[in-house]
Amino acid sequence: MTTNPVHEDGHDDRDGHETHQGYGAADATPLVGYAVLAGVFTAGIGTFTAVARRRGVRLPDRVPPWDVALLGTATYKMSRVLTRAKITSFVRAPFTRRAAQGEAAEVMDEPRGSGVQRAVGDLVACPFCTAAWVMGALVCGYAVAPRATRLASAGLGALTVSDFLHYAWTWTQQSTEG
């Protein structure tokens, strides 16, 4: 009887198939959890699209550059609020642990657990990852209620401007004091 070794990279010599769900034997990347999240995101967008179509929602012929900038600014700010604000820690706590204090009132969390818990932790600890989900929600809102979505986005945009002004003021004070 011949043995067919499984190499460190997970490659099985018998049939060329991977023997595990990762990039390497020691890899902890929760690929199944990521697939679940991608499925949830896709199902959400698909459900929204089907319901909107059934209700006769007409998509805009074009999206003005100003609205793209407004939605982008709102996406930025909301993803920071969800992933870094102390006040939204309750959303992240089941999936993350506190890693450090960030700048201003921000905190840095890191994912914990394994599988779907770890995948959700990766999502809610990463402003870049969360931004895709926020953008999806804002674009869906823009399709069915553009005025309300613009108003909410303007509020988030104003908060973004306020943050930059706070940082500018702090920088100015520090520059003049020392």
N, C-alpha and C. Protein backbone atom coordinates (compact mmCIF):
# COMPACT_ATOMS: atom_id res chain seq x y z
N MET A 1 0.86 -1.19 0.00
CA MET A 1 0.00 0.00 0.00
C MET A 1 0.89 1.23 0.00
N THR A 2 0.62 2.15 -0.89
CA THR A 2 1.40 3.39 -0.99
C THR A 2 0.71 4.49 -0.21
N THR A 3 1.54 5.31 0.39
CA THR A 3 0.98 6.49 1.08
C THR A 3 1.09 7.68 0.16
N ASN A 4 0.13 8.53 0.26
CA ASN A 4 0.12 9.75 -0.54
C ASN A 4 0.18 10.91 0.44
N PRO A 5 1.34 11.51 0.58
CA PRO A 5 1.48 12.57 1.59
C PRO A 5 0.68 13.82 1.25
N VAL A 6 0.24 14.45 2.30
CA VAL A 6 -0.39 15.76 2.16
C VAL A 6 0.69 16.78 2.52
N HIS A 7 1.00 17.65 1.60
CA HIS A 7 2.05 18.64 1.81
C HIS A 7 1.58 19.77 2.71
N GLU A 8 2.53 20.57 3.21
CA GLU A 8 2.20 21.69 4.10
C GLU A 8 1.23 22.68 3.46
N ASP A 9 1.26 22.80 2.13
CA ASP A 9 0.37 23.74 1.47
C ASP A 9 -1.04 23.18 1.29
N GLY A 10 -1.28 21.96 1.80
CA GLY A 10 -2.62 21.37 1.71
C GLY A 10 -2.84 20.58 0.45
N HIS A 11 -1.85 20.45 -0.41
CA HIS A 11 -1.99 19.76 -1.68
C HIS A 11 -1.89 18.25 -1.46
N ASP A 12 -2.81 17.50 -1.99
CA ASP A 12 -2.82 16.05 -1.88
C ASP A 12 -2.34 15.48 -3.20
N ASP A 13 -1.27 14.69 -3.18
CA ASP A 13 -0.67 14.16 -4.41
C ASP A 13 -1.59 13.23 -5.18
N ARG A 14 -2.57 12.61 -4.54
CA ARG A 14 -3.39 11.62 -5.23
C ARG A 14 -4.23 12.24 -6.34
N ASP A 15 -4.93 13.31 -6.03
CA ASP A 15 -5.88 13.82 -7.01
C ASP A 15 -5.75 15.32 -7.27
N GLY A 16 -4.80 15.97 -6.64
CA GLY A 16 -4.60 17.40 -6.89
C GLY A 16 -5.59 18.30 -6.18
N HIS A 17 -6.41 17.75 -5.30
CA HIS A 17 -7.41 18.56 -4.61
C HIS A 17 -6.88 19.05 -3.27
N GLU A 18 -7.40 20.17 -2.83
CA GLU A 18 -7.05 20.70 -1.52
C GLU A 18 -7.69 19.82 -0.46
N THR A 19 -7.01 19.62 0.64
CA THR A 19 -7.53 18.79 1.71
C THR A 19 -8.16 19.61 2.83
N HIS A 20 -8.14 20.93 2.73
CA HIS A 20 -8.72 21.78 3.76
C HIS A 20 -9.20 23.08 3.12
N GLN A 21 -9.84 23.88 3.93
CA GLN A 21 -10.44 25.13 3.46
C GLN A 21 -9.57 26.33 3.80
N GLY A 22 -8.39 26.46 3.26
CA GLY A 22 -7.56 27.59 3.58
C GLY A 22 -6.44 27.76 2.58
N TYR A 23 -5.57 28.69 2.87
CA TYR A 23 -4.44 28.95 1.99
C TYR A 23 -3.23 28.10 2.35
N GLY A 24 -3.21 27.56 3.53
CA GLY A 24 -2.10 26.75 3.99
C GLY A 24 -2.51 26.03 5.25
N ALA A 25 -1.73 25.05 5.65
CA ALA A 25 -2.09 24.23 6.80
C ALA A 25 -2.29 25.05 8.07
N ALA A 26 -1.51 26.11 8.26
CA ALA A 26 -1.61 26.91 9.47
C ALA A 26 -2.52 28.12 9.31
N ASP A 27 -3.15 28.26 8.16
CA ASP A 27 -3.97 29.44 7.88
C ASP A 27 -5.29 29.38 8.64
N ALA A 28 -5.68 30.49 9.23
CA ALA A 28 -6.93 30.57 9.99
C ALA A 28 -7.97 31.42 9.27
N THR A 29 -7.78 31.70 8.00
CA THR A 29 -8.72 32.52 7.26
C THR A 29 -10.07 31.79 7.18
N PRO A 30 -11.14 32.44 7.66
CA PRO A 30 -12.45 31.78 7.69
C PRO A 30 -13.17 31.86 6.34
N LEU A 31 -12.70 31.09 5.37
CA LEU A 31 -13.25 31.18 4.01
C LEU A 31 -14.73 30.82 3.96
N VAL A 32 -15.16 29.84 4.72
CA VAL A 32 -16.58 29.48 4.73
C VAL A 32 -17.40 30.63 5.30
N GLY A 33 -16.89 31.24 6.37
CA GLY A 33 -17.58 32.40 6.95
C GLY A 33 -17.66 33.55 5.96
N TYR A 34 -16.57 33.79 5.22
CA TYR A 34 -16.59 34.83 4.18
C TYR A 34 -17.63 34.50 3.11
N ALA A 35 -17.70 33.23 2.74
CA ALA A 35 -18.69 32.82 1.73
C ALA A 35 -20.11 33.05 2.24
N VAL A 36 -20.34 32.78 3.52
CA VAL A 36 -21.66 33.02 4.11
C VAL A 36 -21.98 34.51 4.04
N LEU A 37 -21.03 35.37 4.43
CA LEU A 37 -21.27 36.81 4.38
C LEU A 37 -21.50 37.30 2.95
N ALA A 38 -20.72 36.79 2.00
CA ALA A 38 -20.92 37.17 0.60
C ALA A 38 -22.31 36.74 0.13
N GLY A 39 -22.74 35.57 0.59
CA GLY A 39 -24.09 35.10 0.24
C GLY A 39 -25.18 35.98 0.84
N VAL A 40 -24.99 36.41 2.09
CA VAL A 40 -25.96 37.29 2.75
C VAL A 40 -26.03 38.62 2.01
N PHE A 41 -24.86 39.18 1.67
CA PHE A 41 -24.82 40.46 0.95
C PHE A 41 -25.53 40.32 -0.40
N THR A 42 -25.19 39.28 -1.15
CA THR A 42 -25.79 39.06 -2.47
C THR A 42 -27.28 38.82 -2.36
N ALA A 43 -27.69 38.02 -1.39
CA ALA A 43 -29.13 37.77 -1.19
C ALA A 43 -29.86 39.05 -0.83
N GLY A 44 -29.25 39.89 -0.01
CA GLY A 44 -29.88 41.16 0.35
C GLY A 44 -30.07 42.07 -0.85
N ILE A 45 -29.04 42.19 -1.65
CA ILE A 45 -29.15 43.03 -2.86
C ILE A 45 -30.15 42.42 -3.83
N GLY A 46 -30.12 41.10 -3.98
CA GLY A 46 -31.06 40.42 -4.87
C GLY A 46 -32.51 40.58 -4.41
N THR A 47 -32.73 40.45 -3.11
CA THR A 47 -34.08 40.63 -2.55
C THR A 47 -34.55 42.05 -2.75
N PHE A 48 -33.67 43.02 -2.46
CA PHE A 48 -34.03 44.42 -2.68
C PHE A 48 -34.41 44.64 -4.15
N THR A 49 -33.60 44.14 -5.06
CA THR A 49 -33.84 44.33 -6.49
C THR A 49 -35.19 43.72 -6.90
N ALA A 50 -35.49 42.51 -6.43
CA ALA A 50 -36.75 41.86 -6.77
C ALA A 50 -37.95 42.63 -6.22
N VAL A 51 -37.87 43.05 -4.97
CA VAL A 51 -38.97 43.80 -4.36
C VAL A 51 -39.14 45.15 -5.05
N ALA A 52 -38.03 45.84 -5.31
CA ALA A 52 -38.11 47.15 -5.97
C ALA A 52 -38.73 47.01 -7.36
N ARG A 53 -38.32 45.99 -8.09
CA ARG A 53 -38.87 45.77 -9.44
C ARG A 53 -40.36 45.47 -9.36
N ARG A 54 -40.75 44.62 -8.41
CA ARG A 54 -42.16 44.26 -8.26
C ARG A 54 -43.00 45.48 -7.90
N ARG A 55 -42.42 46.41 -7.16
CA ARG A 55 -43.16 47.62 -6.76
C ARG A 55 -43.04 48.74 -7.78
N GLY A 56 -42.34 48.49 -8.87
CA GLY A 56 -42.26 49.47 -9.94
C GLY A 56 -41.28 50.61 -9.70
N VAL A 57 -40.29 50.39 -8.85
CA VAL A 57 -39.29 51.42 -8.60
C VAL A 57 -38.49 51.64 -9.87
N ARG A 58 -38.43 52.89 -10.29
CA ARG A 58 -37.63 53.24 -11.47
C ARG A 58 -36.27 53.75 -11.02
N LEU A 59 -35.23 53.15 -11.57
CA LEU A 59 -33.88 53.60 -11.24
C LEU A 59 -33.59 54.90 -11.96
N PRO A 60 -32.76 55.74 -11.39
CA PRO A 60 -32.42 56.99 -12.07
C PRO A 60 -31.67 56.71 -13.37
N ASP A 61 -31.90 57.55 -14.36
CA ASP A 61 -31.17 57.41 -15.63
C ASP A 61 -29.69 57.67 -15.46
N ARG A 62 -29.37 58.57 -14.54
CA ARG A 62 -27.97 58.84 -14.25
C ARG A 62 -27.87 59.29 -12.80
N VAL A 63 -26.68 59.17 -12.26
CA VAL A 63 -26.41 59.63 -10.90
C VAL A 63 -25.42 60.78 -11.02
N PRO A 64 -25.84 61.98 -10.64
CA PRO A 64 -24.94 63.13 -10.77
C PRO A 64 -23.67 62.96 -9.94
N PRO A 65 -22.56 63.51 -10.41
CA PRO A 65 -21.30 63.40 -9.66
C PRO A 65 -21.42 63.90 -8.22
N TRP A 66 -22.23 64.94 -8.00
CA TRP A 66 -22.41 65.45 -6.64
C TRP A 66 -23.00 64.37 -5.74
N ASP A 67 -23.97 63.61 -6.24
CA ASP A 67 -24.57 62.54 -5.44
C ASP A 67 -23.56 61.42 -5.18
N VAL A 68 -22.71 61.12 -6.15
CA VAL A 68 -21.67 60.11 -5.94
C VAL A 68 -20.73 60.57 -4.82
N ALA A 69 -20.33 61.83 -4.85
CA ALA A 69 -19.45 62.37 -3.81
C ALA A 69 -20.16 62.35 -2.45
N LEU A 70 -21.43 62.72 -2.43
CA LEU A 70 -22.20 62.73 -1.19
C LEU A 70 -22.34 61.32 -0.63
N LEU A 71 -22.69 60.36 -1.48
CA LEU A 71 -22.82 58.97 -1.05
C LEU A 71 -21.46 58.41 -0.60
N GLY A 72 -20.41 58.80 -1.29
CA GLY A 72 -19.07 58.35 -0.90
C GLY A 72 -18.66 58.87 0.45
N THR A 73 -18.92 60.15 0.70
CA THR A 73 -18.60 60.75 1.99
C THR A 73 -19.43 60.11 3.11
N ALA A 74 -20.69 59.87 2.83
CA ALA A 74 -21.56 59.23 3.82
C ALA A 74 -21.11 57.79 4.09
N THR A 75 -20.72 57.09 3.05
CA THR A 75 -20.23 55.72 3.21
C THR A 75 -18.99 55.71 4.08
N TYR A 76 -18.07 56.63 3.80
CA TYR A 76 -16.84 56.75 4.61
C TYR A 76 -17.19 56.93 6.08
N LYS A 77 -18.04 57.92 6.37
CA LYS A 77 -18.31 58.25 7.76
C LYS A 77 -19.07 57.14 8.47
N MET A 78 -20.08 56.59 7.82
CA MET A 78 -20.86 55.54 8.47
C MET A 78 -20.00 54.30 8.72
N SER A 79 -19.11 53.97 7.80
CA SER A 79 -18.24 52.80 8.03
C SER A 79 -17.30 53.06 9.20
N ARG A 80 -16.83 54.30 9.37
CA ARG A 80 -15.98 54.63 10.53
C ARG A 80 -16.79 54.55 11.82
N VAL A 81 -18.02 55.06 11.80
CA VAL A 81 -18.87 55.01 12.99
C VAL A 81 -19.12 53.56 13.40
N LEU A 82 -19.42 52.71 12.43
CA LEU A 82 -19.73 51.32 12.75
C LEU A 82 -18.51 50.52 13.20
N THR A 83 -17.33 50.84 12.68
CA THR A 83 -16.15 50.02 12.97
C THR A 83 -15.21 50.61 14.01
N ARG A 84 -15.32 51.90 14.30
CA ARG A 84 -14.33 52.53 15.18
C ARG A 84 -14.92 53.31 16.35
N ALA A 85 -16.18 53.70 16.31
CA ALA A 85 -16.74 54.54 17.39
C ALA A 85 -16.98 53.72 18.66
N LYS A 86 -16.67 54.33 19.80
CA LYS A 86 -16.93 53.66 21.08
C LYS A 86 -18.42 53.33 21.22
N ILE A 87 -19.25 54.25 20.79
CA ILE A 87 -20.69 54.13 20.99
C ILE A 87 -21.30 52.93 20.24
N THR A 88 -20.62 52.44 19.21
CA THR A 88 -21.13 51.28 18.47
C THR A 88 -20.40 49.99 18.85
N SER A 89 -19.67 50.02 19.97
CA SER A 89 -18.97 48.83 20.44
C SER A 89 -19.91 47.65 20.67
N PHE A 90 -21.14 47.94 21.09
CA PHE A 90 -22.09 46.87 21.35
C PHE A 90 -22.39 46.04 20.10
N VAL A 91 -22.26 46.65 18.92
CA VAL A 91 -22.48 45.91 17.67
C VAL A 91 -21.31 44.96 17.41
N ARG A 92 -20.10 45.42 17.70
CA ARG A 92 -18.89 44.64 17.42
C ARG A 92 -18.54 43.63 18.50
N ALA A 93 -18.95 43.88 19.75
CA ALA A 93 -18.51 43.08 20.90
C ALA A 93 -18.70 41.57 20.75
N PRO A 94 -19.78 41.07 20.18
CA PRO A 94 -19.90 39.61 20.06
C PRO A 94 -18.88 38.99 19.09
N PHE A 95 -18.24 39.80 18.29
CA PHE A 95 -17.37 39.29 17.23
C PHE A 95 -15.92 39.76 17.34
N THR A 96 -15.65 40.73 18.25
CA THR A 96 -14.31 41.32 18.35
C THR A 96 -13.89 41.46 19.80
N ARG A 97 -12.63 41.80 19.98
CA ARG A 97 -12.11 42.18 21.30
C ARG A 97 -11.38 43.50 21.13
N ARG A 98 -11.34 44.30 22.17
CA ARG A 98 -10.68 45.59 22.12
C ARG A 98 -9.17 45.38 22.02
N ALA A 99 -8.56 45.97 21.01
CA ALA A 99 -7.12 45.82 20.81
C ALA A 99 -6.36 47.06 21.27
N ALA A 100 -6.93 48.24 21.03
CA ALA A 100 -6.22 49.47 21.38
C ALA A 100 -7.16 50.66 21.32
N GLN A 101 -6.71 51.74 21.91
CA GLN A 101 -7.38 53.03 21.79
C GLN A 101 -6.85 53.70 20.53
N GLY A 102 -7.71 54.20 19.68
CA GLY A 102 -7.28 54.90 18.49
C GLY A 102 -7.19 56.39 18.74
N GLU A 103 -7.12 57.14 17.66
CA GLU A 103 -7.10 58.60 17.75
C GLU A 103 -8.48 59.11 18.13
N ALA A 104 -8.50 60.23 18.80
CA ALA A 104 -9.74 60.90 19.21
C ALA A 104 -10.62 59.91 19.98
N ALA A 105 -11.85 59.76 19.58
CA ALA A 105 -12.78 58.87 20.28
C ALA A 105 -12.89 57.50 19.60
N GLU A 106 -11.96 57.19 18.73
CA GLU A 106 -12.01 55.90 18.03
C GLU A 106 -11.31 54.82 18.85
N VAL A 107 -11.73 53.59 18.62
CA VAL A 107 -11.11 52.42 19.23
C VAL A 107 -10.74 51.44 18.12
N MET A 108 -9.80 50.57 18.45
CA MET A 108 -9.36 49.56 17.49
C MET A 108 -9.76 48.20 18.05
N ASP A 109 -10.60 47.49 17.33
CA ASP A 109 -11.01 46.15 17.72
C ASP A 109 -10.39 45.15 16.76
N GLU A 110 -10.22 43.92 17.23
CA GLU A 110 -9.71 42.86 16.36
C GLU A 110 -10.68 41.69 16.43
N PRO A 111 -10.80 40.94 15.35
CA PRO A 111 -11.75 39.83 15.32
C PRO A 111 -11.36 38.73 16.30
N ARG A 112 -12.37 37.98 16.74
CA ARG A 112 -12.11 36.84 17.61
C ARG A 112 -12.99 35.68 17.15
N GLY A 113 -12.67 34.51 17.66
CA GLY A 113 -13.46 33.33 17.33
C GLY A 113 -12.99 32.67 16.05
N SER A 114 -13.86 31.86 15.50
CA SER A 114 -13.55 31.16 14.26
C SER A 114 -14.82 31.06 13.43
N GLY A 115 -14.67 30.61 12.20
CA GLY A 115 -15.81 30.43 11.31
C GLY A 115 -16.54 31.72 11.03
N VAL A 116 -17.87 31.66 11.09
CA VAL A 116 -18.69 32.83 10.78
C VAL A 116 -18.45 33.94 11.80
N GLN A 117 -18.26 33.58 13.09
CA GLN A 117 -17.99 34.62 14.09
C GLN A 117 -16.74 35.40 13.72
N ARG A 118 -15.70 34.72 13.33
CA ARG A 118 -14.45 35.38 12.94
C ARG A 118 -14.66 36.21 11.67
N ALA A 119 -15.41 35.68 10.70
CA ALA A 119 -15.66 36.42 9.46
C ALA A 119 -16.42 37.71 9.74
N VAL A 120 -17.43 37.63 10.60
CA VAL A 120 -18.17 38.85 10.97
C VAL A 120 -17.25 39.80 11.73
N GLY A 121 -16.39 39.26 12.59
CA GLY A 121 -15.42 40.09 13.31
C GLY A 121 -14.49 40.81 12.35
N ASP A 122 -14.02 40.10 11.32
CA ASP A 122 -13.19 40.74 10.30
C ASP A 122 -13.95 41.87 9.62
N LEU A 123 -15.22 41.64 9.33
CA LEU A 123 -16.04 42.65 8.67
C LEU A 123 -16.25 43.88 9.54
N VAL A 124 -16.68 43.68 10.78
CA VAL A 124 -17.04 44.83 11.62
C VAL A 124 -15.83 45.53 12.24
N ALA A 125 -14.64 44.95 12.09
CA ALA A 125 -13.43 45.62 12.58
C ALA A 125 -12.70 46.35 11.47
N CYS A 126 -13.22 46.30 10.26
CA CYS A 126 -12.53 46.87 9.10
C CYS A 126 -13.41 47.92 8.41
N PRO A 127 -13.03 49.20 8.49
CA PRO A 127 -13.85 50.22 7.83
C PRO A 127 -13.94 50.04 6.32
N PHE A 128 -12.90 49.51 5.70
CA PHE A 128 -12.92 49.30 4.25
C PHE A 128 -13.91 48.19 3.89
N CYS A 129 -13.95 47.14 4.70
CA CYS A 129 -14.87 46.02 4.46
C CYS A 129 -16.32 46.45 4.70
N THR A 130 -16.53 47.14 5.81
CA THR A 130 -17.87 47.59 6.16
C THR A 130 -18.40 48.60 5.15
N ALA A 131 -17.51 49.37 4.54
CA ALA A 131 -17.93 50.38 3.57
C ALA A 131 -18.73 49.78 2.42
N ALA A 132 -18.38 48.58 1.98
CA ALA A 132 -19.13 47.95 0.88
C ALA A 132 -20.58 47.70 1.30
N TRP A 133 -20.77 47.28 2.52
CA TRP A 133 -22.13 47.02 3.01
C TRP A 133 -22.90 48.33 3.19
N VAL A 134 -22.24 49.34 3.74
CA VAL A 134 -22.87 50.65 3.90
C VAL A 134 -23.26 51.21 2.54
N MET A 135 -22.32 51.12 1.58
CA MET A 135 -22.61 51.60 0.23
C MET A 135 -23.82 50.88 -0.34
N GLY A 136 -23.90 49.58 -0.15
CA GLY A 136 -25.05 48.82 -0.65
C GLY A 136 -26.35 49.35 -0.07
N ALA A 137 -26.37 49.60 1.23
CA ALA A 137 -27.58 50.14 1.87
C ALA A 137 -27.91 51.53 1.35
N LEU A 138 -26.90 52.39 1.21
CA LEU A 138 -27.16 53.75 0.73
C LEU A 138 -27.63 53.76 -0.73
N VAL A 139 -27.04 52.93 -1.55
CA VAL A 139 -27.47 52.88 -2.96
C VAL A 139 -28.90 52.35 -3.06
N CYS A 140 -29.24 51.35 -2.25
CA CYS A 140 -30.63 50.87 -2.24
C CYS A 140 -31.57 51.99 -1.77
N GLY A 141 -31.16 52.71 -0.73
CA GLY A 141 -31.97 53.84 -0.26
C GLY A 141 -32.10 54.91 -1.33
N TYR A 142 -31.02 55.18 -2.02
CA TYR A 142 -31.02 56.19 -3.09
C TYR A 142 -31.99 55.80 -4.21
N ALA A 143 -32.10 54.50 -4.47
CA ALA A 143 -33.00 54.03 -5.53
C ALA A 143 -34.47 54.23 -5.17
N VAL A 144 -34.83 54.02 -3.91
CA VAL A 144 -36.25 54.10 -3.53
C VAL A 144 -36.63 55.42 -2.88
N ALA A 145 -35.68 56.08 -2.24
CA ALA A 145 -35.98 57.33 -1.54
C ALA A 145 -34.79 58.27 -1.67
N PRO A 146 -34.56 58.79 -2.88
CA PRO A 146 -33.36 59.60 -3.10
C PRO A 146 -33.29 60.85 -2.22
N ARG A 147 -34.40 61.51 -1.98
CA ARG A 147 -34.36 62.73 -1.16
C ARG A 147 -33.97 62.42 0.28
N ALA A 148 -34.57 61.39 0.85
CA ALA A 148 -34.25 61.02 2.23
C ALA A 148 -32.81 60.52 2.34
N THR A 149 -32.36 59.78 1.34
CA THR A 149 -30.98 59.27 1.35
C THR A 149 -29.99 60.41 1.20
N ARG A 150 -30.31 61.39 0.35
CA ARG A 150 -29.43 62.57 0.23
C ARG A 150 -29.36 63.32 1.55
N LEU A 151 -30.49 63.46 2.23
CA LEU A 151 -30.51 64.17 3.51
C LEU A 151 -29.67 63.44 4.56
N ALA A 152 -29.86 62.13 4.68
CA ALA A 152 -29.06 61.36 5.63
C ALA A 152 -27.58 61.42 5.25
N SER A 153 -27.28 61.33 3.97
CA SER A 153 -25.89 61.40 3.50
C SER A 153 -25.29 62.77 3.76
N ALA A 154 -26.11 63.82 3.61
CA ALA A 154 -25.63 65.17 3.90
C ALA A 154 -25.28 65.30 5.38
N GLY A 155 -26.09 64.72 6.24
CA GLY A 155 -25.79 64.73 7.67
C GLY A 155 -24.47 64.03 7.97
N LEU A 156 -24.26 62.86 7.36
CA LEU A 156 -23.00 62.14 7.55
C LEU A 156 -21.83 62.92 6.94
N GLY A 157 -22.09 63.59 5.82
CA GLY A 157 -21.06 64.42 5.20
C GLY A 157 -20.69 65.59 6.10
N ALA A 158 -21.69 66.19 6.73
CA ALA A 158 -21.41 67.30 7.66
C ALA A 158 -20.59 66.80 8.85
N LEU A 159 -20.89 65.62 9.32
CA LEU A 159 -20.12 65.04 10.42
C LEU A 159 -18.67 64.79 10.00
N THR A 160 -18.47 64.37 8.76
CA THR A 160 -17.11 64.17 8.24
C THR A 160 -16.34 65.49 8.20
N VAL A 161 -16.99 66.55 7.71
CA VAL A 161 -16.36 67.88 7.68
C VAL A 161 -16.03 68.32 9.10
N SER A 162 -16.96 68.09 10.02
CA SER A 162 -16.73 68.44 11.42
C SER A 162 -15.51 67.71 11.98
N ASP A 163 -15.39 66.43 11.68
CA ASP A 163 -14.21 65.67 12.14
C ASP A 163 -12.92 66.30 11.63
N PHE A 164 -12.89 66.61 10.34
CA PHE A 164 -11.68 67.21 9.77
C PHE A 164 -11.38 68.56 10.41
N LEU A 165 -12.41 69.35 10.72
CA LEU A 165 -12.19 70.62 11.39
C LEU A 165 -11.66 70.42 12.82
N HIS A 166 -12.17 69.40 13.51
CA HIS A 166 -11.64 69.09 14.85
C HIS A 166 -10.17 68.73 14.78
N TYR A 167 -9.83 67.89 13.83
CA TYR A 167 -8.42 67.51 13.66
C TYR A 167 -7.56 68.73 13.28
N ALA A 168 -8.07 69.59 12.41
CA ALA A 168 -7.33 70.79 12.02
C ALA A 168 -7.13 71.70 13.22
N TRP A 169 -8.16 71.87 14.04
CA TRP A 169 -8.06 72.72 15.22
C TRP A 169 -7.05 72.14 16.20
N THR A 170 -7.11 70.84 16.43
CA THR A 170 -6.16 70.19 17.33
C THR A 170 -4.74 70.35 16.81
N TRP A 171 -4.54 70.14 15.55
CA TRP A 171 -3.21 70.30 14.94
C TRP A 171 -2.72 71.74 15.09
N THR A 172 -3.62 72.71 14.87
CA THR A 172 -3.25 74.12 15.00
C THR A 172 -2.85 74.44 16.44
N GLN A 173 -3.63 73.95 17.41
CA GLN A 173 -3.29 74.18 18.81
C GLN A 173 -1.94 73.56 19.16
N GLN A 174 -1.71 72.35 18.74
CA GLN A 174 -0.45 71.68 19.04
C GLN A 174 0.73 72.38 18.37
N SER A 175 0.53 72.92 17.19
CA SER A 175 1.60 73.61 16.47
C SER A 175 1.97 74.92 17.15
N THR A 176 0.99 75.62 17.69
CA THR A 176 1.28 76.92 18.32
C THR A 176 1.79 76.75 19.74
N GLU A 177 1.45 75.66 20.40
CA GLU A 177 1.86 75.44 21.79
C GLU A 177 3.24 74.80 21.90
N GLY A 178 3.67 74.13 20.88
CA GLY A 178 4.93 73.46 21.12
C GLY A 178 5.59 73.02 19.89
